[in-house]
Structure formats: structure tokens, C-alpha cells
């Protein structure tokens, strides 16, 4: 397989499909497709892209085919039961600029998206084995793998998401019909003739341009990174799909067209990175919202209340941070109120959603922590509060689903001489791969975060 094609296919297998699967949500708010273990099957197959054709490469791709078959079977079962394509159970963040909806066109587009990886996996297994499946040359099979990851899975999924959320948009509904129809005609053209393939390219291009137009007009996410990514993904479709039409016309009618390597370098790269990856990431950010706090599970640690003791539990990173924020009773009262009403976090640039406007034992909250263009919502539950003449604040415990487990307290206290301090105390340890990977960097970030909160309290208006 050509190196560029291998890179593009790897992006589809390892990034676009698993990220996209997490956007497919059923009525029970859980991803129905095997999003969590898809990458486990995709990694060996991605390695096989760089190996010589032969039994080892085929063996490494077998798991990917099994995953694709499982995905297609589940999608077909969900479609038959009517569960596929119903209105999203995921709650979106305020101001995303999208609306809900669910129609049979959404189900058609989703079914097309979830079946497309099966075509790609079958072509991949044949290509890695050096077998000319149905008589197709090996380079064509390699491009088929890429095509059904991006023009298949990504395009159909984006059309479904757009139609579901831009209810009432004729362009969105038309896109949700044209994209699956175009994909089907392109696939049929492999067996019937290049003229049918050209008709499929025309229908698919029309659907993707309609999706681009509807996204540009209808979807206005509040997240700036989502806006940029979605604008990029729509803009790139103009030149890349013109190249697709040129290629299909050349195959059907013998007019001049680009060679396969040039198509991979231009159309393939643009669709894979510009449309597929940017589009899926943009939709992830545009639809990312806080979790359903009522449905969250229990606290993730047994040592509840240990931040209030002199000896915090072993086996965790410990944080004891204390910073002077000013003087006087007015500042103490204002800072304490800011802590208890989540304003300290919000004024520091951290969005908070909570089940109550003030901290109290049993109140649940989710904080939106940002890492570059991505935002992660971390769920917690208030386990203790304090509000006396010298101390005001609360302690929250991290719920299952938080990237760390442990506890953290935020307390404003005032000394006898009127000096006001913010004390942040925490014990935590990583529970997911990216916080484990961050390793010793996590305590550093926690200390910087505490310092930012103290700076926010120093700047509070005190009247």
C-alpha cells in the first residue's frame, strides 16, 4: 500500500471512526456501536498497513473485519427495531446553535455510515492478502478502503448529525438522502459500470455540498474551536469533490483526469484530513455538553472527607495550596460567596453546571476543563461544606467517570488580623490513560489551577 494511502487509512481507522462512533447515541444515552473497543481492533490493522502483503498482515486485519461485521450487525438490528436514528438522548451545551430532530432520513444516513466500515474492512483484508477481490486491482482496493472510511462513514455520519440537529432545513434533509444514495451508486458502479459510478459521484457530491451549505448556515456552535473546524471541513469540500467529479467523468467518458497518486495526494488528503478529521472533531466539540448529573454513578474513592484531616490517604498525589488574597471582612464574605455559588470557578474560565445554585452536601456538579481545543466535563459531588465566622467553602468528591479519583476542597479563611486566604487541598490519582500519561505533570497543573482560582478571588469587586 502506498505510504500516503496508508497514512490516510490509518487516520480513518484510528481517529475518524472511533470519534464518530461516540457521536452515535441511542435512547439509553450509551453509544450503541462498539466505540470503546474499536481502537483495540484498529491498532493491529493499522500496523498491517505498513507490512508486506501476506499472512501476517491478513491476520492483523482480521480483528478489524470482526469489529466492522459486529458494527454492521448491530446497526442493522437497531434499524430493524426502530432504535437507530431516534432523537439524541445526549444533552447539548447551551448556545451550541443546533436543534434536535430524528427522521427516517437520519436512520438511512446512520445505517449507511455504520455499514461503510464493513466494505472498507473487506477491501483491506483482500488488499493485504494480495487477493484481487472481484477482479479489482490492488491499488483500487486500497483506495476503496480509504473511500469508505471518509466518503462512506464520515460523510454519511455528518449528514445524519446535520439532519438530526438542523430540523426543518431542506438542505440538511436532502443531504441525508443524497449522501447515502450517492455512496450506494458509487458502490454499485464497481459492478455495473463506470456510468453508474459517475452518477453516484454526482449524487454524492450534491449531497456533500448540500451538507456543507446547511452546516455553514444552520450550525453555529458557541465553541470557537468547533466553529473553525466545521468551517474548514465545509470549505474543503468544494475543491475535493470537484476532483471526484473529474475522476468519475474520466473513468466513464474517457476525458482527461488526474492519476491515482495525484488523486490520493489532493482529493484523498483533503477529504481525509480537511473534511473527515476536522468535521468529526468539529461535531464532537459542537455537541459536547455536560453529563446527565442525575445518572452519574457513585463516588470513585472510599476516603470521603480526608481533605479535612491532617493526614491524607496514601497512594494519591497530595496538594496543599494556600495563597493570600487580601484583607478584611468584606473580602472574606465576597470570596466565600463566590466559592459557594461556583462563581470562583466560572470567573476563572471554567464552566460549571450543578444541580443547585449553591454548594451543599449531595449537590452534583460538572466542571468543563479545557485542554487546547478540547473540553472535558469532569463530574463531582459535594461531600461537605463549611460556613462559619472564619471559614467558608466546600469539598467535592470525584464521581466515577472523572479522569481522576479523589477529593478536593476550596476554603476561604480569615486570620485574627483580618488576612484572607484561599486554601485548596486535594488528594487524587489518575484513572484514565491520558491522566496516567500526564504522570507528574498533573500535580503541577493542579497547583497552577489553584493559583488561578486565588487570582480570581483577589480581583473580586468588594463593595
Protein backbone atom coordinates (compact mmCIF):
# COMPACT_ATOMS: atom_id res chain seq x y z
CA UNK A 1 0.00 0.00 0.00
CA UNK A 2 1.32 3.44 -0.93
CA UNK A 3 2.63 5.32 2.15
CA UNK A 4 0.24 8.27 1.71
CA UNK A 5 -2.77 5.99 1.35
CA UNK A 6 -1.63 4.04 4.42
CA UNK A 7 -1.44 7.26 6.43
CA UNK A 8 -4.93 8.35 5.34
CA UNK A 9 -6.43 4.92 6.04
CA UNK A 10 -4.75 4.93 9.46
CA UNK A 11 -6.34 8.29 10.27
CA UNK A 12 -9.73 6.86 9.35
CA UNK A 13 -9.29 3.68 11.37
CA UNK A 14 -7.71 5.16 14.49
CA UNK A 15 -9.34 8.60 14.70
CA UNK A 16 -12.32 9.28 12.46
CA UNK A 17 -14.30 6.08 13.06
CA UNK A 18 -13.83 5.78 16.85
CA UNK A 19 -14.51 9.51 17.34
CA UNK A 20 -17.52 9.31 15.07
CA UNK A 21 -18.94 6.27 16.82
CA UNK A 22 -19.12 8.26 20.05
CA UNK A 23 -21.44 10.69 18.30
CA UNK A 24 -23.95 7.90 17.64
CA UNK A 25 -26.08 7.83 20.77
CA UNK A 26 -29.08 5.64 21.43
CA UNK A 27 -32.17 6.22 23.55
CA UNK A 28 -30.35 4.97 26.66
CA UNK A 29 -27.58 7.58 26.29
CA UNK A 30 -24.94 4.91 25.74
CA UNK A 31 -23.02 4.50 22.50
CA UNK A 32 -24.58 1.52 20.79
CA UNK A 33 -21.70 0.85 18.38
CA UNK A 34 -18.51 -0.69 19.82
CA UNK A 35 -16.81 2.70 20.18
CA UNK A 36 -14.84 1.72 23.26
CA UNK A 37 -13.12 -1.32 21.82
CA UNK A 38 -12.97 -0.28 18.17
CA UNK A 39 -9.44 1.08 18.58
CA UNK A 40 -8.30 -2.26 20.04
CA UNK A 41 -9.15 -3.89 16.71
CA UNK A 42 -7.93 -0.94 14.64
CA UNK A 43 -4.38 -0.71 16.02
CA UNK A 44 -3.17 -4.10 14.68
CA UNK A 45 -4.84 -3.38 11.34
CA UNK A 46 -3.10 -0.01 11.19
CA UNK A 47 0.22 -1.76 11.78
CA UNK A 48 -0.61 -4.17 8.94
CA UNK A 49 -0.82 -1.24 6.53
CA UNK A 50 2.97 -0.89 6.75
CA UNK A 51 3.83 -4.59 6.48
CA UNK A 52 4.39 -6.57 3.26
CA UNK A 53 1.31 -8.29 1.91
CA UNK A 54 0.96 -11.77 3.29
CA UNK A 55 -0.46 -13.97 6.06
CA UNK A 56 0.78 -11.80 8.95
CA UNK A 57 -0.83 -8.66 7.53
CA UNK A 58 -4.07 -10.57 6.92
CA UNK A 59 -4.02 -11.91 10.49
CA UNK A 60 -3.60 -8.42 11.93
CA UNK A 61 -6.56 -7.18 9.87
CA UNK A 62 -8.90 -9.98 10.91
CA UNK A 63 -9.94 -8.31 14.15
CA UNK A 64 -10.83 -5.15 12.27
CA UNK A 65 -13.11 -7.13 9.97
CA UNK A 66 -14.78 -8.75 13.01
CA UNK A 67 -15.33 -5.31 14.56
CA UNK A 68 -16.80 -3.99 11.30
CA UNK A 69 -19.13 -7.00 11.00
CA UNK A 70 -20.25 -6.51 14.61
CA UNK A 71 -20.89 -2.84 13.95
CA UNK A 72 -22.91 -3.55 10.81
CA UNK A 73 -24.97 -6.26 12.52
CA UNK A 74 -25.75 -4.01 15.48
CA UNK A 75 -26.67 -1.17 13.15
CA UNK A 76 -28.96 -3.41 11.13
CA UNK A 77 -30.60 -4.69 14.31
CA UNK A 78 -31.09 -1.18 15.65
CA UNK A 79 -32.54 -0.07 12.31
CA UNK A 80 -34.93 -3.03 12.24
CA UNK A 81 -36.13 -2.28 15.78
CA UNK A 82 -36.53 1.42 15.04
CA UNK A 83 -33.96 2.45 17.65
CA UNK A 84 -31.40 3.77 15.17
CA UNK A 85 -31.75 7.46 14.47
CA UNK A 86 -34.13 8.43 17.22
CA UNK A 87 -33.65 11.80 18.83
CA UNK A 88 -30.34 12.18 20.66
CA UNK A 89 -30.51 11.42 24.34
CA UNK A 90 -27.34 13.43 24.89
CA UNK A 91 -27.94 16.88 26.31
CA UNK A 92 -26.10 19.59 24.45
CA UNK A 93 -24.41 22.60 26.00
CA UNK A 94 -26.38 25.86 25.91
CA UNK A 95 -25.61 28.03 22.93
CA UNK A 96 -24.49 25.30 20.56
CA UNK A 97 -26.84 26.68 17.92
CA UNK A 98 -28.23 23.28 16.96
CA UNK A 99 -31.69 21.81 17.17
CA UNK A 100 -32.96 18.31 17.71
CA UNK A 101 -34.79 16.05 15.36
CA UNK A 102 -34.95 12.48 14.08
CA UNK A 103 -36.45 11.14 10.84
CA UNK A 104 -36.16 8.16 8.60
CA UNK A 105 -33.58 10.06 6.55
CA UNK A 106 -31.42 10.20 9.66
CA UNK A 107 -31.79 6.44 10.09
CA UNK A 108 -30.81 5.87 6.46
CA UNK A 109 -27.72 8.04 6.77
CA UNK A 110 -26.70 6.46 10.08
CA UNK A 111 -27.17 2.95 8.72
CA UNK A 112 -25.03 3.84 5.71
CA UNK A 113 -22.32 5.24 7.97
CA UNK A 114 -22.25 2.20 10.24
CA UNK A 115 -22.17 -0.31 7.38
CA UNK A 116 -19.46 1.50 5.38
CA UNK A 117 -16.55 0.27 7.58
CA UNK A 118 -17.53 -3.30 6.65
CA UNK A 119 -16.89 -2.56 2.97
CA UNK A 120 -13.60 -0.90 3.90
CA UNK A 121 -12.53 -3.81 6.12
CA UNK A 122 -13.34 -6.40 3.45
CA UNK A 123 -11.33 -4.50 0.85
CA UNK A 124 -8.48 -4.08 3.35
CA UNK A 125 -8.29 -7.79 4.12
CA UNK A 126 -8.19 -8.66 0.42
CA UNK A 127 -5.59 -5.98 -0.40
CA UNK A 128 -3.31 -7.01 2.48
CA UNK A 129 -3.58 -10.60 1.32
CA UNK A 130 -2.72 -9.69 -2.27
CA UNK A 131 -6.08 -11.02 -3.47
CA UNK A 132 -7.79 -9.21 -6.35
CA UNK A 133 -11.25 -9.17 -4.81
CA UNK A 134 -13.89 -9.39 -7.57
CA UNK A 135 -11.08 -8.79 -10.04
CA UNK A 136 -10.24 -5.26 -8.83
CA UNK A 137 -6.55 -4.23 -8.92
CA UNK A 138 -4.86 -3.91 -5.54
CA UNK A 139 -4.41 -0.09 -5.78
CA UNK A 140 -8.15 0.27 -6.39
CA UNK A 141 -8.87 -1.88 -3.33
CA UNK A 142 -6.55 0.31 -1.26
CA UNK A 143 -8.40 3.45 -2.35
CA UNK A 144 -11.70 1.69 -1.65
CA UNK A 145 -10.58 1.25 1.96
CA UNK A 146 -9.94 4.99 2.24
CA UNK A 147 -13.10 5.93 0.33
CA UNK A 148 -15.45 4.02 2.63
CA UNK A 149 -13.85 5.47 5.75
CA UNK A 150 -14.32 9.07 4.63
CA UNK A 151 -16.82 9.40 1.76
CA UNK A 152 -18.67 6.49 3.33
CA UNK A 153 -18.57 6.60 7.11
CA UNK A 154 -17.67 10.25 7.77
CA UNK A 155 -19.87 11.80 5.07
CA UNK A 156 -22.95 9.77 5.96
CA UNK A 157 -22.47 10.36 9.69
CA UNK A 158 -22.09 14.12 9.21
CA UNK A 159 -25.24 14.16 7.06
CA UNK A 160 -27.15 12.29 9.79
CA UNK A 161 -25.91 14.59 12.55
CA UNK A 162 -26.77 17.65 10.48
CA UNK A 163 -30.28 16.43 9.64
CA UNK A 164 -30.94 15.42 13.24
CA UNK A 165 -29.92 18.79 14.63
CA UNK A 166 -31.00 21.19 11.88
CA UNK A 167 -34.63 20.14 11.91
CA UNK A 168 -36.61 21.94 9.24
CA UNK A 169 -33.65 22.54 6.94
CA UNK A 170 -34.43 21.26 3.46
CA UNK A 171 -30.73 21.26 2.59
CA UNK A 172 -29.98 19.04 5.58
CA UNK A 173 -32.76 16.59 4.73
CA UNK A 174 -31.66 16.46 1.10
CA UNK A 175 -28.06 15.85 2.17
CA UNK A 176 -29.15 12.99 4.43
CA UNK A 177 -30.78 11.35 1.39
CA UNK A 178 -28.24 12.21 -1.31
CA UNK A 179 -25.15 11.09 0.57
CA UNK A 180 -26.35 7.51 1.20
CA UNK A 181 -27.79 7.33 -2.34
CA UNK A 182 -24.50 8.55 -3.81
CA UNK A 183 -22.47 6.09 -1.76
CA UNK A 184 -24.74 3.27 -2.88
CA UNK A 185 -24.49 4.23 -6.55
CA UNK A 186 -20.70 4.52 -6.36
CA UNK A 187 -20.56 1.04 -4.84
CA UNK A 188 -22.95 -0.30 -7.47
CA UNK A 189 -20.84 1.28 -10.18
CA UNK A 190 -17.98 -1.06 -9.32
CA UNK A 191 -20.10 -3.92 -10.65
CA UNK A 192 -22.45 -2.35 -13.20
CA UNK A 193 -20.28 0.17 -14.99
CA UNK A 194 -18.45 3.47 -14.81
CA UNK A 195 -21.52 5.41 -15.97
CA UNK A 196 -23.37 4.36 -12.80
CA UNK A 197 -20.29 5.26 -10.81
CA UNK A 198 -20.31 8.73 -12.39
CA UNK A 199 -23.99 9.16 -11.49
CA UNK A 200 -23.11 8.15 -7.94
CA UNK A 201 -20.31 10.72 -7.84
CA UNK A 202 -22.75 13.42 -8.98
CA UNK A 203 -25.34 12.48 -6.34
CA UNK A 204 -22.70 12.12 -3.60
CA UNK A 205 -21.12 15.46 -4.49
CA UNK A 206 -24.53 17.12 -4.43
CA UNK A 207 -25.22 15.65 -1.01
CA UNK A 208 -21.88 16.71 0.44
CA UNK A 209 -22.19 20.23 -0.95
CA UNK A 210 -25.71 20.46 0.48
CA UNK A 211 -24.35 19.29 3.82
CA UNK A 212 -21.64 21.92 3.64
CA UNK A 213 -24.16 24.64 2.83
CA UNK A 214 -26.53 23.58 5.61
CA UNK A 215 -23.69 23.32 8.14
CA UNK A 216 -22.49 26.81 7.21
CA UNK A 217 -25.97 28.28 7.61
CA UNK A 218 -27.61 26.20 10.32
CA UNK A 219 -24.90 25.14 12.77
CA UNK A 220 -23.40 27.94 14.86
CA UNK A 221 -21.67 26.40 17.86
CA UNK A 222 -20.60 28.67 20.67
CA UNK A 223 -17.25 26.89 20.95
CA UNK A 224 -14.75 28.82 18.77
CA UNK A 225 -12.68 25.72 18.01
CA UNK A 226 -15.82 23.91 16.81
CA UNK A 227 -16.69 26.83 14.54
CA UNK A 228 -13.23 26.85 12.96
CA UNK A 229 -13.16 23.08 12.44
CA UNK A 230 -16.63 22.96 10.91
CA UNK A 231 -15.86 25.90 8.60
CA UNK A 232 -12.68 24.17 7.46
CA UNK A 233 -14.48 20.88 6.85
CA UNK A 234 -17.15 22.54 4.72
CA UNK A 235 -14.79 24.76 2.71
CA UNK A 236 -12.55 21.88 1.68
CA UNK A 237 -15.45 20.00 0.07
CA UNK A 238 -15.65 22.41 -2.88
CA UNK A 239 -12.28 21.54 -4.49
CA UNK A 240 -12.10 17.93 -3.30
CA UNK A 241 -15.50 16.96 -4.70
CA UNK A 242 -14.77 18.75 -7.98
CA UNK A 243 -11.76 16.46 -8.26
CA UNK A 244 -14.01 13.48 -7.52
CA UNK A 245 -16.34 14.50 -10.36
CA UNK A 246 -13.36 14.93 -12.67
CA UNK A 247 -12.11 11.44 -11.83
CA UNK A 248 -15.52 9.82 -12.29
CA UNK A 249 -16.04 11.59 -15.62
CA UNK A 250 -12.64 10.41 -16.79
CA UNK A 251 -13.46 6.83 -15.88
CA UNK A 252 -16.91 6.94 -17.53
CA UNK A 253 -16.26 9.04 -20.65
CA UNK A 254 -12.50 8.97 -21.18
CA UNK A 255 -11.93 12.70 -20.55
CA UNK A 256 -8.56 13.76 -19.07
CA UNK A 257 -8.25 13.20 -15.32
CA UNK A 258 -5.64 13.08 -12.59
CA UNK A 259 -3.67 9.90 -11.96
CA UNK A 260 -4.36 7.73 -8.90
CA UNK A 261 -1.32 9.03 -6.97
CA UNK A 262 -2.37 12.64 -7.63
CA UNK A 263 -5.96 11.89 -6.61
CA UNK A 264 -4.70 10.40 -3.34
CA UNK A 265 -2.49 13.44 -2.71
CA UNK A 266 -5.21 16.01 -3.45
CA UNK A 267 -8.73 14.64 -3.19
CA UNK A 268 -7.81 11.92 -0.69
CA UNK A 269 -5.76 14.11 1.64
CA UNK A 270 -8.29 16.94 1.54
CA UNK A 271 -11.25 14.68 2.28
CA UNK A 272 -9.45 12.65 4.94
CA UNK A 273 -7.89 15.45 6.95
CA UNK A 274 -9.83 18.55 5.93
CA UNK A 275 -13.32 17.07 5.82
CA UNK A 276 -13.26 13.79 7.73
CA UNK A 277 -11.00 14.53 10.69
CA UNK A 278 -11.82 18.24 11.06
CA UNK A 279 -15.54 17.60 10.54
CA UNK A 280 -15.82 14.83 13.13
CA UNK A 281 -13.75 16.81 15.64
CA UNK A 282 -15.90 19.87 14.98
CA UNK A 283 -19.10 17.94 15.59
CA UNK A 284 -17.63 16.42 18.74
CA UNK A 285 -16.96 19.90 20.11
CA UNK A 286 -20.26 21.34 18.87
CA UNK A 287 -22.32 18.65 20.58
CA UNK A 288 -20.18 18.17 23.68
CA UNK A 289 -22.11 19.09 26.77
CA UNK A 290 -22.12 18.31 30.47
CA UNK A 291 -23.12 14.80 31.57
CA UNK A 292 -26.51 13.91 32.97
CA UNK A 293 -25.70 14.55 36.61
CA UNK A 294 -28.66 12.54 37.88
CA UNK A 295 -27.46 9.44 36.03
CA UNK A 296 -23.89 9.52 37.32
CA UNK A 297 -22.58 6.74 39.48
CA UNK A 298 -21.11 6.75 42.98
CA UNK A 299 -18.02 8.46 44.33
CA UNK A 300 -14.85 6.91 42.96
CA UNK A 301 -12.90 6.63 46.25
CA UNK A 302 -13.56 5.38 49.82
CA UNK A 303 -11.71 8.03 51.87
CA UNK A 304 -14.53 10.60 51.92
CA UNK A 305 -13.70 13.68 53.99
CA UNK A 306 -9.95 13.01 54.23
CA UNK A 307 -9.03 16.50 52.96
CA UNK A 308 -10.24 17.87 56.30
CA UNK A 309 -7.73 15.74 58.23
CA UNK A 310 -4.06 16.34 58.95
CA UNK A 311 -3.05 13.08 57.30
CA UNK A 312 -4.36 12.45 53.78
CA UNK A 313 -4.52 8.86 52.46
CA UNK A 314 -1.54 7.16 50.89
CA UNK A 315 -1.49 6.14 47.25
CA UNK A 316 -2.61 9.55 45.94
CA UNK A 317 -0.98 12.76 44.77
CA UNK A 318 -1.39 15.31 47.57
CA UNK A 319 -1.94 19.03 47.10
CA UNK A 320 -1.85 21.62 49.87
CA UNK A 321 -2.03 25.12 48.47
CA UNK A 322 -2.59 28.32 50.44
CA UNK A 323 -2.48 31.82 48.97
CA UNK A 324 -3.18 35.23 50.46
CA UNK A 325 -5.97 37.03 48.58
CA UNK A 326 -6.32 40.22 50.64
CA UNK A 327 -7.63 41.62 53.90
CA UNK A 328 -10.90 42.45 55.59
CA UNK A 329 -14.28 41.05 56.39
CA UNK A 330 -15.85 42.38 53.20
CA UNK A 331 -13.41 40.44 51.06
CA UNK A 332 -13.85 37.32 53.18
CA UNK A 333 -17.62 37.43 52.73
CA UNK A 334 -17.41 38.16 48.97
CA UNK A 335 -14.83 35.44 48.40
CA UNK A 336 -16.81 32.90 50.42
CA UNK A 337 -19.95 33.68 48.44
CA UNK A 338 -18.02 33.31 45.18
CA UNK A 339 -16.76 29.90 46.26
CA UNK A 340 -20.15 28.58 47.39
CA UNK A 341 -22.02 29.80 44.27
CA UNK A 342 -19.48 28.41 41.77
CA UNK A 343 -18.51 31.96 40.73
CA UNK A 344 -14.85 31.42 41.63
CA UNK A 345 -14.68 28.65 39.04
CA UNK A 346 -16.77 30.42 36.43
CA UNK A 347 -14.85 33.70 36.72
CA UNK A 348 -11.67 31.65 36.23
CA UNK A 349 -12.94 30.48 32.85
CA UNK A 350 -14.26 27.08 33.97
CA UNK A 351 -17.94 26.50 33.10
CA UNK A 352 -19.91 24.77 35.84
CA UNK A 353 -23.30 23.09 35.71
CA UNK A 354 -24.79 21.97 39.01
CA UNK A 355 -27.98 20.56 40.46
CA UNK A 356 -28.27 23.56 42.81
CA UNK A 357 -27.16 27.22 42.72
CA UNK A 358 -25.13 26.85 45.93
CA UNK A 359 -22.79 24.21 47.25
CA UNK A 360 -24.46 21.86 49.74
CA UNK A 361 -23.88 18.26 50.69
CA UNK A 362 -25.18 15.96 47.94
CA UNK A 363 -25.20 18.61 45.20
CA UNK A 364 -23.65 17.34 41.99
CA UNK A 365 -21.71 19.44 39.53
CA UNK A 366 -19.65 19.11 36.37
CA UNK A 367 -16.75 21.40 35.51
CA UNK A 368 -15.65 21.91 31.91
CA UNK A 369 -11.85 21.69 31.82
CA UNK A 370 -10.22 22.68 28.55
CA UNK A 371 -7.08 21.20 27.02
CA UNK A 372 -6.31 23.09 23.82
CA UNK A 373 -9.36 22.88 21.53
CA UNK A 374 -10.93 20.06 23.55
CA UNK A 375 -13.13 20.38 26.63
CA UNK A 376 -13.63 17.59 29.14
CA UNK A 377 -16.54 17.66 31.61
CA UNK A 378 -15.48 16.27 34.99
CA UNK A 379 -18.30 15.15 37.36
CA UNK A 380 -18.16 15.66 41.12
CA UNK A 381 -20.39 15.64 44.20
CA UNK A 382 -20.22 17.97 47.18
CA UNK A 383 -19.41 15.91 50.27
CA UNK A 384 -19.01 18.70 52.86
CA UNK A 385 -19.43 22.45 53.33
CA UNK A 386 -18.27 24.91 55.94
CA UNK A 387 -19.58 28.40 56.67
CA UNK A 388 -18.64 29.93 60.00
CA UNK A 389 -17.12 33.16 61.03
CA UNK A 390 -13.61 32.21 59.93
CA UNK A 391 -14.01 29.57 57.20
CA UNK A 392 -16.26 29.32 54.12
CA UNK A 393 -16.08 26.73 51.39
CA UNK A 394 -16.88 23.23 50.24
CA UNK A 395 -15.34 19.88 49.43
CA UNK A 396 -16.24 17.77 46.44
CA UNK A 397 -15.52 14.16 45.69
CA UNK A 398 -14.84 12.92 42.19
CA UNK A 399 -17.51 10.69 40.72
CA UNK A 400 -16.95 7.63 38.58
CA UNK A 401 -16.36 9.00 35.08
CA UNK A 402 -13.92 11.66 36.29
CA UNK A 403 -10.41 11.24 34.78
CA UNK A 404 -9.07 11.22 38.36
CA UNK A 405 -10.38 9.76 41.59
CA UNK A 406 -10.11 11.54 44.89
CA UNK A 407 -11.28 14.66 46.66
CA UNK A 408 -10.66 18.41 46.61
CA UNK A 409 -11.65 21.24 48.94
CA UNK A 410 -11.83 25.00 48.39
CA UNK A 411 -11.97 27.02 51.59
CA UNK A 412 -11.62 30.77 52.21
CA UNK A 413 -10.44 31.57 55.72
CA UNK A 414 -9.64 34.76 57.63
CA UNK A 415 -6.97 35.11 60.31
CA UNK A 416 -7.42 37.07 63.50
CA UNK A 417 -5.56 40.02 61.95
CA UNK A 418 -8.01 40.16 59.02
CA UNK A 419 -5.80 38.47 56.41
CA UNK A 420 -7.89 36.41 53.96
CA UNK A 421 -6.54 33.23 52.40
CA UNK A 422 -7.67 30.66 49.86
CA UNK A 423 -6.76 27.09 50.79
CA UNK A 424 -7.02 24.32 48.19
CA UNK A 425 -6.44 20.80 49.48
CA UNK A 426 -6.66 17.67 47.38
CA UNK A 427 -5.70 14.06 47.04
CA UNK A 428 -6.12 12.34 43.67
CA UNK A 429 -4.76 9.72 41.35
CA UNK A 430 -5.29 9.14 37.59
CA UNK A 431 -7.79 6.56 36.37
CA UNK A 432 -7.78 7.04 32.58
CA UNK A 433 -4.99 6.71 30.05
CA UNK A 434 -4.43 10.41 29.37
CA UNK A 435 -4.11 11.41 33.03
CA UNK A 436 -1.82 8.42 33.60
CA UNK A 437 0.22 9.51 30.60
CA UNK A 438 0.49 13.02 32.03
CA UNK A 439 2.05 11.47 35.13
CA UNK A 440 3.93 14.02 37.28
CA UNK A 441 2.54 16.87 35.20
CA UNK A 442 -0.90 16.50 36.84
CA UNK A 443 0.13 17.89 40.28
CA UNK A 444 1.84 20.80 38.53
CA UNK A 445 -1.36 21.59 36.63
CA UNK A 446 -3.42 21.26 39.81
CA UNK A 447 -1.19 23.82 41.57
CA UNK A 448 -1.42 26.20 38.63
CA UNK A 449 -5.20 25.82 38.63
CA UNK A 450 -5.34 26.61 42.36
CA UNK A 451 -3.19 29.70 41.76
CA UNK A 452 -5.59 30.83 39.05
CA UNK A 453 -8.53 30.49 41.42
CA UNK A 454 -6.69 32.60 44.01
CA UNK A 455 -6.01 35.27 41.40
CA UNK A 456 -9.70 35.34 40.55
CA UNK A 457 -10.63 35.93 44.19
CA UNK A 458 -8.09 38.73 44.51
CA UNK A 459 -9.84 40.53 41.66
CA UNK A 460 -13.34 40.29 43.14
CA UNK A 461 -15.17 43.60 43.40
CA UNK A 462 -15.73 44.33 47.09
CA UNK A 463 -18.31 46.99 47.83
